[in-house]
Amino acid sequence: GDQTLQERYDAANQQVTALLEQVDANVCKATDSAAELLTGVRTFVAHTKSVNSACAIWMSFFRAFEDEERKRSLSERSLAQSDDTPNLTNELLPSFCGSP
């Protein structure tokens, strides 16, 4: 009861101003954190692209190796098979790269 209407209004206005200052500080921190995170993501993307390029060379090598091994194995099996022996299927051969 001792406070006037103007004093209560001024106190409420100060509280609102303090809260808005906190919100502004938090938005600034969030913006700085987002910028830092974005820099890290961009670095990760650049490194991932170089790793992907390096892996692509090896993947093509392993695929070619796998194809040649499959052909060689099938050729050897077909020479050694009789007509009543079932054919070798791709599932019986190891795969370096999954199904082509």
N, C-alpha and C. Protein backbone atom coordinates (compact mmCIF):
# COMPACT_ATOMS: atom_id res chain seq x y z
N GLY A 1 0.68 -1.18 0.00
CA GLY A 1 0.00 0.00 0.00
C GLY A 1 0.74 1.28 0.00
N ASP A 2 2.02 1.38 0.42
CA ASP A 2 2.70 2.67 0.50
C ASP A 2 3.15 3.17 -0.86
N GLN A 3 3.28 2.27 -1.85
CA GLN A 3 3.76 2.67 -3.16
C GLN A 3 2.63 3.31 -3.96
N THR A 4 3.00 4.31 -4.69
CA THR A 4 2.02 4.95 -5.56
C THR A 4 1.93 4.15 -6.85
N LEU A 5 0.95 4.45 -7.62
CA LEU A 5 0.75 3.78 -8.90
C LEU A 5 1.94 4.03 -9.81
N GLN A 6 2.47 5.22 -9.79
CA GLN A 6 3.64 5.56 -10.63
C GLN A 6 4.86 4.76 -10.21
N GLU A 7 5.09 4.56 -8.92
CA GLU A 7 6.24 3.79 -8.44
C GLU A 7 6.12 2.32 -8.85
N ARG A 8 4.91 1.78 -8.76
CA ARG A 8 4.72 0.39 -9.20
C ARG A 8 4.92 0.26 -10.71
N TYR A 9 4.45 1.24 -11.45
CA TYR A 9 4.65 1.24 -12.90
C TYR A 9 6.14 1.31 -13.22
N ASP A 10 6.88 2.17 -12.54
CA ASP A 10 8.32 2.31 -12.77
C ASP A 10 9.06 1.01 -12.42
N ALA A 11 8.67 0.35 -11.34
CA ALA A 11 9.31 -0.90 -10.93
C ALA A 11 9.04 -1.99 -11.97
N ALA A 12 7.81 -2.08 -12.44
CA ALA A 12 7.45 -3.07 -13.45
C ALA A 12 8.21 -2.78 -14.75
N ASN A 13 8.34 -1.53 -15.11
CA ASN A 13 9.05 -1.14 -16.31
C ASN A 13 10.53 -1.51 -16.20
N GLN A 14 11.12 -1.35 -15.02
CA GLN A 14 12.52 -1.73 -14.81
C GLN A 14 12.69 -3.24 -14.92
N GLN A 15 11.73 -3.98 -14.40
CA GLN A 15 11.79 -5.45 -14.51
C GLN A 15 11.71 -5.88 -15.96
N VAL A 16 10.81 -5.29 -16.71
CA VAL A 16 10.67 -5.63 -18.12
C VAL A 16 11.96 -5.29 -18.86
N THR A 17 12.54 -4.13 -18.58
CA THR A 17 13.78 -3.72 -19.22
C THR A 17 14.91 -4.69 -18.89
N ALA A 18 15.01 -5.13 -17.63
CA ALA A 18 16.05 -6.09 -17.23
C ALA A 18 15.84 -7.42 -17.95
N LEU A 19 14.61 -7.88 -18.05
CA LEU A 19 14.33 -9.13 -18.75
C LEU A 19 14.67 -9.02 -20.23
N LEU A 20 14.34 -7.91 -20.85
CA LEU A 20 14.67 -7.71 -22.26
C LEU A 20 16.18 -7.67 -22.48
N GLU A 21 16.91 -7.10 -21.53
CA GLU A 21 18.37 -7.10 -21.63
C GLU A 21 18.93 -8.52 -21.53
N GLN A 22 18.32 -9.35 -20.66
CA GLN A 22 18.74 -10.75 -20.55
C GLN A 22 18.42 -11.51 -21.85
N VAL A 23 17.25 -11.26 -22.40
CA VAL A 23 16.88 -11.90 -23.67
C VAL A 23 17.88 -11.50 -24.75
N ASP A 24 18.21 -10.22 -24.82
CA ASP A 24 19.17 -9.74 -25.82
C ASP A 24 20.53 -10.40 -25.64
N ALA A 25 21.00 -10.52 -24.40
CA ALA A 25 22.29 -11.17 -24.14
C ALA A 25 22.24 -12.64 -24.54
N ASN A 26 21.13 -13.31 -24.26
CA ASN A 26 20.99 -14.72 -24.63
C ASN A 26 20.95 -14.90 -26.15
N VAL A 27 20.28 -13.99 -26.85
CA VAL A 27 20.23 -14.06 -28.31
C VAL A 27 21.64 -13.86 -28.88
N CYS A 28 22.41 -12.94 -28.31
CA CYS A 28 23.79 -12.73 -28.76
C CYS A 28 24.64 -13.99 -28.54
N LYS A 29 24.49 -14.61 -27.37
CA LYS A 29 25.23 -15.85 -27.10
C LYS A 29 24.83 -16.95 -28.08
N ALA A 30 23.53 -17.06 -28.32
CA ALA A 30 23.04 -18.09 -29.24
C ALA A 30 23.57 -17.85 -30.65
N THR A 31 23.60 -16.60 -31.08
CA THR A 31 24.12 -16.26 -32.40
C THR A 31 25.60 -16.62 -32.51
N ASP A 32 26.37 -16.27 -31.47
CA ASP A 32 27.80 -16.62 -31.45
C ASP A 32 27.99 -18.13 -31.48
N SER A 33 27.19 -18.85 -30.70
CA SER A 33 27.30 -20.32 -30.67
C SER A 33 26.94 -20.92 -32.02
N ALA A 34 25.90 -20.39 -32.65
CA ALA A 34 25.49 -20.90 -33.96
C ALA A 34 26.57 -20.65 -35.00
N ALA A 35 27.21 -19.47 -34.95
CA ALA A 35 28.28 -19.16 -35.90
C ALA A 35 29.47 -20.10 -35.69
N GLU A 36 29.79 -20.39 -34.44
CA GLU A 36 30.89 -21.31 -34.13
C GLU A 36 30.55 -22.72 -34.60
N LEU A 37 29.33 -23.12 -34.37
CA LEU A 37 28.88 -24.45 -34.80
C LEU A 37 28.91 -24.56 -36.32
N LEU A 38 28.47 -23.54 -37.00
CA LEU A 38 28.47 -23.54 -38.46
C LEU A 38 29.88 -23.67 -39.01
N THR A 39 30.83 -22.98 -38.38
CA THR A 39 32.23 -23.09 -38.79
C THR A 39 32.71 -24.54 -38.64
N GLY A 40 32.36 -25.16 -37.51
CA GLY A 40 32.73 -26.55 -37.29
C GLY A 40 32.09 -27.48 -38.30
N VAL A 41 30.84 -27.24 -38.64
CA VAL A 41 30.14 -28.08 -39.62
C VAL A 41 30.79 -27.92 -40.99
N ARG A 42 31.13 -26.70 -41.36
CA ARG A 42 31.78 -26.49 -42.66
C ARG A 42 33.13 -27.20 -42.72
N THR A 43 33.89 -27.16 -41.64
CA THR A 43 35.17 -27.87 -41.59
C THR A 43 34.94 -29.37 -41.72
N PHE A 44 33.94 -29.89 -41.01
CA PHE A 44 33.61 -31.31 -41.07
C PHE A 44 33.23 -31.71 -42.50
N VAL A 45 32.42 -30.89 -43.16
CA VAL A 45 32.01 -31.19 -44.53
C VAL A 45 33.22 -31.24 -45.46
N ALA A 46 34.13 -30.29 -45.30
CA ALA A 46 35.32 -30.27 -46.15
C ALA A 46 36.16 -31.53 -45.93
N HIS A 47 36.35 -31.92 -44.68
CA HIS A 47 37.12 -33.13 -44.38
C HIS A 47 36.41 -34.38 -44.87
N THR A 48 35.10 -34.41 -44.72
CA THR A 48 34.32 -35.56 -45.17
C THR A 48 34.42 -35.72 -46.68
N LYS A 49 34.40 -34.60 -47.41
CA LYS A 49 34.52 -34.68 -48.87
C LYS A 49 35.87 -35.26 -49.27
N SER A 50 36.95 -34.85 -48.58
CA SER A 50 38.26 -35.39 -48.94
C SER A 50 38.37 -36.87 -48.59
N VAL A 51 37.78 -37.27 -47.47
CA VAL A 51 37.78 -38.69 -47.11
C VAL A 51 36.96 -39.48 -48.13
N ASN A 52 35.82 -38.93 -48.53
CA ASN A 52 34.98 -39.60 -49.52
C ASN A 52 35.73 -39.78 -50.84
N SER A 53 36.46 -38.76 -51.25
CA SER A 53 37.24 -38.86 -52.49
C SER A 53 38.30 -39.95 -52.38
N ALA A 54 38.98 -39.98 -51.23
CA ALA A 54 40.01 -40.99 -51.03
C ALA A 54 39.40 -42.40 -51.00
N CYS A 55 38.24 -42.52 -50.38
CA CYS A 55 37.57 -43.83 -50.30
C CYS A 55 37.07 -44.28 -51.67
N ALA A 56 36.67 -43.33 -52.50
CA ALA A 56 36.13 -43.70 -53.81
C ALA A 56 37.17 -44.47 -54.62
N ILE A 57 38.42 -44.08 -54.52
CA ILE A 57 39.50 -44.78 -55.23
C ILE A 57 39.58 -46.22 -54.75
N TRP A 58 39.57 -46.40 -53.43
CA TRP A 58 39.66 -47.75 -52.87
C TRP A 58 38.41 -48.56 -53.18
N MET A 59 37.24 -47.91 -53.15
CA MET A 59 36.00 -48.64 -53.44
C MET A 59 36.02 -49.17 -54.87
N SER A 60 36.49 -48.36 -55.82
CA SER A 60 36.53 -48.84 -57.20
C SER A 60 37.54 -49.99 -57.33
N PHE A 61 38.65 -49.90 -56.59
CA PHE A 61 39.62 -50.98 -56.60
C PHE A 61 39.00 -52.27 -56.06
N PHE A 62 38.33 -52.20 -54.91
CA PHE A 62 37.74 -53.40 -54.31
C PHE A 62 36.61 -53.95 -55.16
N ARG A 63 35.83 -53.08 -55.78
CA ARG A 63 34.76 -53.57 -56.66
C ARG A 63 35.36 -54.31 -57.85
N ALA A 64 36.40 -53.74 -58.44
CA ALA A 64 37.04 -54.41 -59.58
C ALA A 64 37.65 -55.73 -59.14
N PHE A 65 38.29 -55.74 -57.98
CA PHE A 65 38.87 -56.97 -57.44
C PHE A 65 37.78 -58.01 -57.21
N GLU A 66 36.68 -57.57 -56.61
CA GLU A 66 35.57 -58.48 -56.33
C GLU A 66 35.00 -59.05 -57.63
N ASP A 67 34.81 -58.20 -58.63
CA ASP A 67 34.30 -58.68 -59.91
C ASP A 67 35.23 -59.70 -60.55
N GLU A 68 36.52 -59.43 -60.53
CA GLU A 68 37.50 -60.36 -61.12
C GLU A 68 37.53 -61.68 -60.35
N GLU A 69 37.47 -61.61 -59.03
CA GLU A 69 37.45 -62.83 -58.21
C GLU A 69 36.19 -63.65 -58.49
N ARG A 70 35.07 -62.97 -58.63
CA ARG A 70 33.81 -63.67 -58.91
C ARG A 70 33.90 -64.35 -60.27
N LYS A 71 34.41 -63.65 -61.28
CA LYS A 71 34.55 -64.23 -62.61
C LYS A 71 35.50 -65.43 -62.58
N ARG A 72 36.62 -65.26 -61.89
CA ARG A 72 37.61 -66.34 -61.81
C ARG A 72 37.02 -67.55 -61.10
N SER A 73 36.34 -67.30 -60.00
CA SER A 73 35.75 -68.40 -59.23
C SER A 73 34.67 -69.11 -60.03
N LEU A 74 33.82 -68.35 -60.70
CA LEU A 74 32.77 -68.96 -61.51
C LEU A 74 33.37 -69.76 -62.67
N SER A 75 34.41 -69.22 -63.26
CA SER A 75 35.06 -69.91 -64.37
C SER A 75 35.69 -71.22 -63.89
N GLU A 76 36.38 -71.18 -62.76
CA GLU A 76 37.00 -72.39 -62.21
C GLU A 76 35.94 -73.42 -61.84
N ARG A 77 34.84 -72.95 -61.23
CA ARG A 77 33.78 -73.87 -60.82
C ARG A 77 33.10 -74.51 -62.03
N SER A 78 32.87 -73.69 -63.06
CA SER A 78 32.17 -74.25 -64.23
C SER A 78 33.04 -75.29 -64.94
N LEU A 79 34.37 -75.12 -64.90
CA LEU A 79 35.25 -76.12 -65.49
C LEU A 79 35.25 -77.41 -64.69
N ALA A 80 35.14 -77.28 -63.36
CA ALA A 80 35.23 -78.45 -62.48
C ALA A 80 33.86 -79.11 -62.24
N GLN A 81 32.78 -78.44 -62.61
CA GLN A 81 31.44 -78.96 -62.32
C GLN A 81 31.00 -79.99 -63.34
N SER A 82 30.19 -80.88 -62.84
CA SER A 82 29.49 -81.77 -63.77
C SER A 82 28.09 -81.21 -63.94
N ASP A 83 27.31 -81.75 -64.83
CA ASP A 83 25.97 -81.22 -65.11
C ASP A 83 25.02 -81.34 -63.93
N ASP A 84 25.23 -82.31 -63.04
CA ASP A 84 24.30 -82.49 -61.93
C ASP A 84 24.69 -81.66 -60.70
N THR A 85 25.79 -80.91 -60.75
CA THR A 85 26.20 -80.06 -59.62
C THR A 85 25.55 -78.69 -59.78
N PRO A 86 24.96 -78.18 -58.69
CA PRO A 86 24.32 -76.86 -58.80
C PRO A 86 25.35 -75.76 -59.08
N ASN A 87 24.90 -74.71 -59.75
CA ASN A 87 25.78 -73.58 -60.07
C ASN A 87 26.09 -72.76 -58.83
N LEU A 88 27.28 -72.14 -58.82
CA LEU A 88 27.69 -71.25 -57.74
C LEU A 88 26.91 -69.94 -57.85
N THR A 89 26.36 -69.49 -56.75
CA THR A 89 25.63 -68.23 -56.78
C THR A 89 26.46 -67.13 -56.15
N ASN A 90 26.11 -65.89 -56.45
CA ASN A 90 26.83 -64.74 -55.91
C ASN A 90 26.79 -64.69 -54.39
N GLU A 91 25.75 -65.25 -53.78
CA GLU A 91 25.66 -65.21 -52.32
C GLU A 91 26.76 -66.01 -51.65
N LEU A 92 27.34 -66.96 -52.34
CA LEU A 92 28.39 -67.77 -51.76
C LEU A 92 29.76 -67.11 -51.80
N LEU A 93 29.87 -66.02 -52.55
CA LEU A 93 31.15 -65.32 -52.67
C LEU A 93 31.22 -64.15 -51.68
N PRO A 94 32.39 -63.86 -51.15
CA PRO A 94 32.49 -62.71 -50.22
C PRO A 94 32.29 -61.42 -50.99
N SER A 95 31.78 -60.41 -50.29
CA SER A 95 31.56 -59.11 -50.92
C SER A 95 32.27 -58.04 -50.11
N PHE A 96 33.11 -57.25 -50.78
CA PHE A 96 33.79 -56.16 -50.12
C PHE A 96 32.91 -54.92 -50.06
N CYS A 97 32.03 -54.76 -51.01
CA CYS A 97 31.31 -53.49 -51.17
C CYS A 97 29.80 -53.65 -51.13
N GLY A 98 29.30 -54.75 -50.73
CA GLY A 98 27.87 -54.97 -50.78
C GLY A 98 27.45 -55.35 -52.18
N SER A 99 26.19 -55.41 -52.40
CA SER A 99 25.68 -55.79 -53.72
C SER A 99 25.93 -54.67 -54.71
N PRO A 100 26.47 -55.00 -55.90
CA PRO A 100 26.73 -53.94 -56.88
C PRO A 100 25.47 -53.42 -57.49
